Amino acid sequence: MAGLFSVEGKTVLVTGGSRGIGLMIARGFVEAGARVIVSSRKAEVCAEVADQLSQLGHCEAIPADLSSDAGAARLAADVLRRGPALDVLVNNAGATWGAPLEAYPESAFDKLWAVNVKAVFRLTTALLPALRASASADDPARVINIGSIDGIRVPWMEVYAYSATKAAVHMLTRSLAHQLAPEHITVNAIAPGPFESKMMAFALDDPASRATIEHQVPLGRIGRPDDMAGAAIYLASRAGSYLTGAVIPVDGGITTHG
């Protein structure tokens, strides 16, 4: 059992790694001994986070805007320049949009499709040479996509494009898993429930709203950083090497409601 959950020495790229769920995952990998690259749209924030995490282990920053194909291509090229192999790709960068049904704009679908779905596909395919260079039968390369429980069950809020694109991420995960399994690259998704993040701040910063959400979680609490980091580390470690095509709800039991 020694080393079953070890990710020490692995090279990990976390997109959207400067805040929220991405930062939870990046910090967890750094503290577990991985060599982490964090990427986010704002270069200054990305660099600050990398400096902070470097006090705990190895972390560097590559800023990138993944809302376009060109941005994904540039990030992949920058990663490949730093080394030929990538052990773990965490596709976490994403966006949301809430509005009433009849006021919901078409532009929301365009923006969220580009960031939440196309960027996952384009970055994964662009980094296939690095993932292939790392992959082996005993220790596959790993792709971890961050979906959402809003892509599994009807969300509490009116986030039509968000829930649709996260459901697409889950199906894309399964499709890529099937395609890449013969090359010893696993592809899985984590579907988070409520966690402390900018995306959830409008609800969790209000005590009454927070209490309502906690009441709807069977385990009775908001997710903690270790909950998210633990799931990602499991998927990236030897313990998760035989799992591919899975969508894992990390939600305190919310999806047990159906």
Protein backbone atom coordinates (compact mmCIF):
# COMPACT_ATOMS: atom_id res chain seq x y z
CA MET A 1 0.00 0.00 0.00
CA ALA A 2 3.00 2.31 0.29
CA GLY A 3 2.69 5.15 -2.18
CA LEU A 4 -0.81 4.19 -3.31
CA PHE A 5 -1.96 7.82 -3.26
CA SER A 6 1.40 9.41 -4.02
CA VAL A 7 1.71 12.06 -6.75
CA GLU A 8 5.20 13.12 -5.74
CA GLY A 9 7.30 14.29 -8.66
CA LYS A 10 4.42 14.36 -11.15
CA THR A 11 4.06 17.37 -13.42
CA VAL A 12 0.55 18.82 -13.20
CA LEU A 13 -1.13 21.65 -15.11
CA VAL A 14 -4.18 23.23 -13.46
CA THR A 15 -6.16 25.73 -15.54
CA GLY A 16 -8.15 28.31 -13.64
CA GLY A 17 -5.69 27.56 -10.86
CA SER A 18 -5.51 30.99 -9.25
CA ARG A 19 -8.74 30.84 -7.23
CA GLY A 20 -11.65 28.70 -6.06
CA ILE A 21 -11.69 25.02 -6.90
CA GLY A 22 -8.64 25.32 -9.15
CA LEU A 23 -6.57 26.80 -6.34
CA MET A 24 -7.76 24.07 -3.95
CA ILE A 25 -6.55 21.44 -6.40
CA ALA A 26 -3.28 23.21 -7.20
CA ARG A 27 -2.44 23.67 -3.52
CA GLY A 28 -3.22 20.04 -2.81
CA PHE A 29 -0.88 18.83 -5.55
CA VAL A 30 1.91 21.19 -4.45
CA GLU A 31 1.63 20.03 -0.84
CA ALA A 32 1.69 16.41 -2.05
CA GLY A 33 5.03 16.94 -3.79
CA ALA A 34 3.95 17.44 -7.39
CA ARG A 35 5.48 19.98 -9.77
CA VAL A 36 2.52 22.25 -10.51
CA ILE A 37 1.87 24.77 -13.25
CA VAL A 38 -1.05 27.10 -12.57
CA SER A 39 -2.71 28.97 -15.38
CA SER A 40 -5.34 31.69 -15.33
CA ARG A 41 -6.38 34.66 -17.42
CA LYS A 42 -4.93 37.43 -15.23
CA ALA A 43 -1.15 37.28 -15.38
CA GLU A 44 -0.51 39.25 -12.18
CA VAL A 45 -2.88 37.14 -10.08
CA CYS A 46 -1.50 33.95 -11.59
CA ALA A 47 2.07 34.96 -10.70
CA GLU A 48 1.07 35.92 -7.14
CA VAL A 49 -0.57 32.54 -6.56
CA ALA A 50 2.44 30.69 -7.96
CA ASP A 51 4.74 32.66 -5.63
CA GLN A 52 2.55 31.80 -2.64
CA LEU A 53 2.37 28.10 -3.50
CA SER A 54 6.12 27.99 -4.16
CA GLN A 55 6.59 28.46 -0.42
CA LEU A 56 4.96 25.03 0.01
CA GLY A 57 6.68 23.21 -2.85
CA HIS A 58 7.18 23.60 -6.58
CA CYS A 59 4.81 25.87 -8.51
CA GLU A 60 5.10 28.11 -11.55
CA ALA A 61 2.68 30.26 -13.52
CA ILE A 62 1.71 30.40 -17.19
CA PRO A 63 -1.08 32.94 -17.75
CA ALA A 64 -3.51 32.16 -20.57
CA ASP A 65 -6.94 33.17 -21.82
CA LEU A 66 -8.69 29.97 -22.85
CA SER A 67 -11.74 31.64 -24.36
CA SER A 68 -10.21 31.23 -27.83
CA ASP A 69 -8.53 28.40 -29.72
CA ALA A 70 -5.43 30.57 -30.03
CA GLY A 71 -5.21 30.95 -26.26
CA ALA A 72 -5.38 27.20 -25.73
CA ALA A 73 -2.73 26.65 -28.40
CA ARG A 74 -0.40 29.20 -26.78
CA LEU A 75 -0.77 27.61 -23.35
CA ALA A 76 -0.04 24.15 -24.76
CA ALA A 77 3.04 25.48 -26.56
CA ASP A 78 4.31 27.17 -23.39
CA VAL A 79 3.83 23.97 -21.39
CA LEU A 80 5.63 21.90 -24.03
CA ARG A 81 8.55 24.33 -24.00
CA ARG A 82 9.03 23.63 -20.30
CA GLY A 83 9.34 19.90 -20.84
CA PRO A 84 8.28 17.10 -23.17
CA ALA A 85 6.02 15.26 -20.71
CA LEU A 86 2.91 16.15 -18.71
CA ASP A 87 1.57 13.67 -16.17
CA VAL A 88 -1.72 15.34 -15.22
CA LEU A 89 -3.91 17.91 -16.95
CA VAL A 90 -6.67 19.45 -14.82
CA ASN A 91 -9.17 21.28 -17.03
CA ASN A 92 -10.77 23.53 -14.44
CA ALA A 93 -11.06 26.95 -16.11
CA GLY A 94 -14.71 27.83 -16.59
CA ALA A 95 -17.42 30.47 -16.42
CA THR A 96 -21.06 30.75 -15.43
CA TRP A 97 -24.00 32.99 -16.32
CA GLY A 98 -27.31 33.39 -14.54
CA ALA A 99 -30.42 35.19 -15.80
CA PRO A 100 -34.21 34.68 -15.91
CA LEU A 101 -35.44 32.34 -18.62
CA GLU A 102 -36.94 34.86 -21.02
CA ALA A 103 -34.07 37.29 -20.54
CA TYR A 104 -31.33 34.68 -20.95
CA PRO A 105 -29.04 35.91 -23.75
CA GLU A 106 -27.69 33.91 -26.63
CA SER A 107 -24.26 35.38 -25.89
CA ALA A 108 -24.21 33.36 -22.65
CA PHE A 109 -24.31 30.12 -24.62
CA ASP A 110 -21.56 31.34 -26.98
CA LYS A 111 -19.23 32.42 -24.16
CA LEU A 112 -19.76 29.37 -21.96
CA TRP A 113 -19.50 26.91 -24.83
CA ALA A 114 -16.12 28.42 -25.75
CA VAL A 115 -14.71 28.40 -22.21
CA ASN A 116 -16.37 25.39 -20.58
CA VAL A 117 -16.34 22.92 -23.48
CA LYS A 118 -14.21 23.95 -26.46
CA ALA A 119 -11.26 24.95 -24.28
CA VAL A 120 -11.29 21.54 -22.58
CA PHE A 121 -11.25 19.79 -25.94
CA ARG A 122 -8.68 22.06 -27.60
CA LEU A 123 -6.24 22.09 -24.69
CA THR A 124 -6.45 18.33 -24.19
CA THR A 125 -5.80 17.60 -27.86
CA ALA A 126 -3.00 20.18 -28.04
CA LEU A 127 -1.27 18.57 -25.04
CA LEU A 128 -1.63 14.99 -26.26
CA PRO A 129 2.08 14.81 -27.23
CA ALA A 130 3.07 15.66 -23.64
CA LEU A 131 0.49 13.29 -22.14
CA ARG A 132 1.63 10.48 -24.46
CA ALA A 133 5.23 11.10 -23.43
CA SER A 134 4.27 10.49 -19.80
CA ALA A 135 1.86 7.59 -20.31
CA SER A 136 2.57 3.95 -19.54
CA ALA A 137 0.48 0.87 -18.87
CA ASP A 138 1.45 0.87 -15.18
CA ASP A 139 1.10 4.64 -14.71
CA PRO A 140 -1.24 6.27 -17.23
CA ALA A 141 -1.24 9.97 -17.95
CA ARG A 142 -4.33 11.63 -16.48
CA VAL A 143 -6.84 14.19 -17.67
CA ILE A 144 -9.20 15.48 -14.98
CA ASN A 145 -12.08 17.64 -16.17
CA ILE A 146 -14.04 19.75 -13.70
CA GLY A 147 -17.74 19.45 -14.44
CA SER A 148 -20.54 20.22 -12.01
CA ILE A 149 -23.48 18.63 -10.29
CA ASP A 150 -25.48 21.19 -12.28
CA GLY A 151 -24.63 19.04 -15.29
CA ILE A 152 -26.14 15.98 -13.56
CA ARG A 153 -29.34 17.29 -12.00
CA VAL A 154 -31.51 20.35 -12.55
CA PRO A 155 -29.76 23.27 -10.80
CA TRP A 156 -31.33 25.42 -8.11
CA MET A 157 -30.63 28.60 -10.08
CA GLU A 158 -31.36 29.75 -13.63
CA VAL A 159 -27.99 28.96 -15.20
CA TYR A 160 -29.14 27.37 -18.44
CA ALA A 161 -25.92 27.66 -20.45
CA TYR A 162 -23.78 26.65 -17.47
CA SER A 163 -25.68 23.45 -16.73
CA ALA A 164 -25.85 22.54 -20.43
CA THR A 165 -22.12 23.03 -20.95
CA LYS A 166 -21.21 21.10 -17.80
CA ALA A 167 -23.35 18.18 -19.00
CA ALA A 168 -21.38 18.44 -22.25
CA VAL A 169 -18.11 18.28 -20.28
CA HIS A 170 -19.28 15.03 -18.71
CA MET A 171 -20.08 13.44 -22.08
CA LEU A 172 -16.86 14.77 -23.59
CA THR A 173 -15.02 13.13 -20.69
CA ARG A 174 -16.54 9.76 -21.53
CA SER A 175 -15.81 10.14 -25.25
CA LEU A 176 -12.18 11.11 -24.69
CA ALA A 177 -11.76 8.31 -22.14
CA HIS A 178 -12.90 5.74 -24.67
CA GLN A 179 -10.67 7.15 -27.40
CA LEU A 180 -7.51 7.55 -25.31
CA ALA A 181 -7.62 4.40 -23.16
CA PRO A 182 -5.53 2.37 -25.66
CA GLU A 183 -2.82 5.04 -25.33
CA HIS A 184 -2.76 4.71 -21.53
CA ILE A 185 -4.34 8.11 -20.90
CA THR A 186 -7.25 8.17 -18.48
CA VAL A 187 -9.92 10.85 -18.61
CA ASN A 188 -12.27 11.42 -15.68
CA ALA A 189 -14.43 14.25 -14.38
CA ILE A 190 -15.14 15.66 -10.95
CA ALA A 191 -18.60 17.18 -10.52
CA PRO A 192 -18.38 19.55 -7.54
CA GLY A 193 -21.28 20.60 -5.39
CA PRO A 194 -21.13 23.83 -3.33
CA PHE A 195 -17.59 24.99 -2.54
CA GLU A 196 -16.16 28.34 -1.49
CA SER A 197 -15.45 30.11 -4.79
CA LYS A 198 -16.09 33.36 -6.61
CA MET A 199 -18.77 31.55 -8.59
CA MET A 200 -20.64 30.66 -5.38
CA ALA A 201 -19.81 33.80 -3.37
CA PHE A 202 -23.13 35.50 -4.10
CA ALA A 203 -24.91 32.65 -2.32
CA LEU A 204 -22.42 31.59 0.34
CA ASP A 205 -21.54 35.08 1.58
CA ASP A 206 -25.14 35.61 2.72
CA PRO A 207 -25.71 33.74 6.02
CA ALA A 208 -29.35 32.91 5.28
CA SER A 209 -28.61 31.67 1.77
CA ARG A 210 -25.64 29.69 3.02
CA ALA A 211 -27.76 28.01 5.68
CA THR A 212 -30.35 27.07 3.07
CA ILE A 213 -27.71 25.48 0.85
CA GLU A 214 -26.14 23.61 3.77
CA HIS A 215 -29.58 22.28 4.69
CA GLN A 216 -29.95 20.87 1.16
CA VAL A 217 -26.63 18.99 1.41
CA PRO A 218 -27.18 15.57 3.03
CA LEU A 219 -23.80 15.80 4.79
CA GLY A 220 -24.83 19.22 6.08
CA ARG A 221 -21.91 21.39 5.06
CA ILE A 222 -20.16 23.25 2.24
CA GLY A 223 -17.24 21.48 0.58
CA ARG A 224 -13.76 22.04 1.98
CA PRO A 225 -10.47 22.43 0.06
CA ASP A 226 -9.28 18.97 1.14
CA ASP A 227 -12.44 17.40 -0.28
CA MET A 228 -11.60 18.70 -3.74
CA ALA A 229 -7.84 18.18 -3.53
CA GLY A 230 -8.36 14.63 -2.28
CA ALA A 231 -10.56 13.67 -5.22
CA ALA A 232 -8.08 15.07 -7.75
CA ILE A 233 -5.08 13.43 -6.07
CA TYR A 234 -6.91 10.09 -6.01
CA LEU A 235 -7.54 10.30 -9.76
CA ALA A 236 -3.91 11.24 -10.41
CA SER A 237 -2.35 8.59 -8.17
CA ARG A 238 -1.76 4.86 -8.54
CA ALA A 239 -5.01 4.37 -6.59
CA GLY A 240 -6.98 5.84 -9.51
CA SER A 241 -5.04 4.32 -12.39
CA TYR A 242 -7.78 1.81 -13.38
CA LEU A 243 -10.55 4.40 -13.50
CA THR A 244 -11.47 6.14 -16.73
CA GLY A 245 -14.65 7.67 -18.14
CA ALA A 246 -16.08 8.32 -14.67
CA VAL A 247 -17.93 11.40 -13.47
CA ILE A 248 -17.48 11.62 -9.70
CA PRO A 249 -19.87 13.87 -7.73
CA VAL A 250 -18.04 15.56 -4.87
CA ASP A 251 -21.16 17.14 -3.46
CA GLY A 252 -21.91 15.93 0.07
CA GLY A 253 -24.66 13.71 -1.33
CA ILE A 254 -26.73 16.31 -3.22
CA THR A 255 -27.10 14.12 -6.29
CA THR A 256 -28.64 11.38 -4.19
CA HIS A 257 -31.80 13.51 -4.40
CA GLY A 258 -31.97 12.73 -8.14
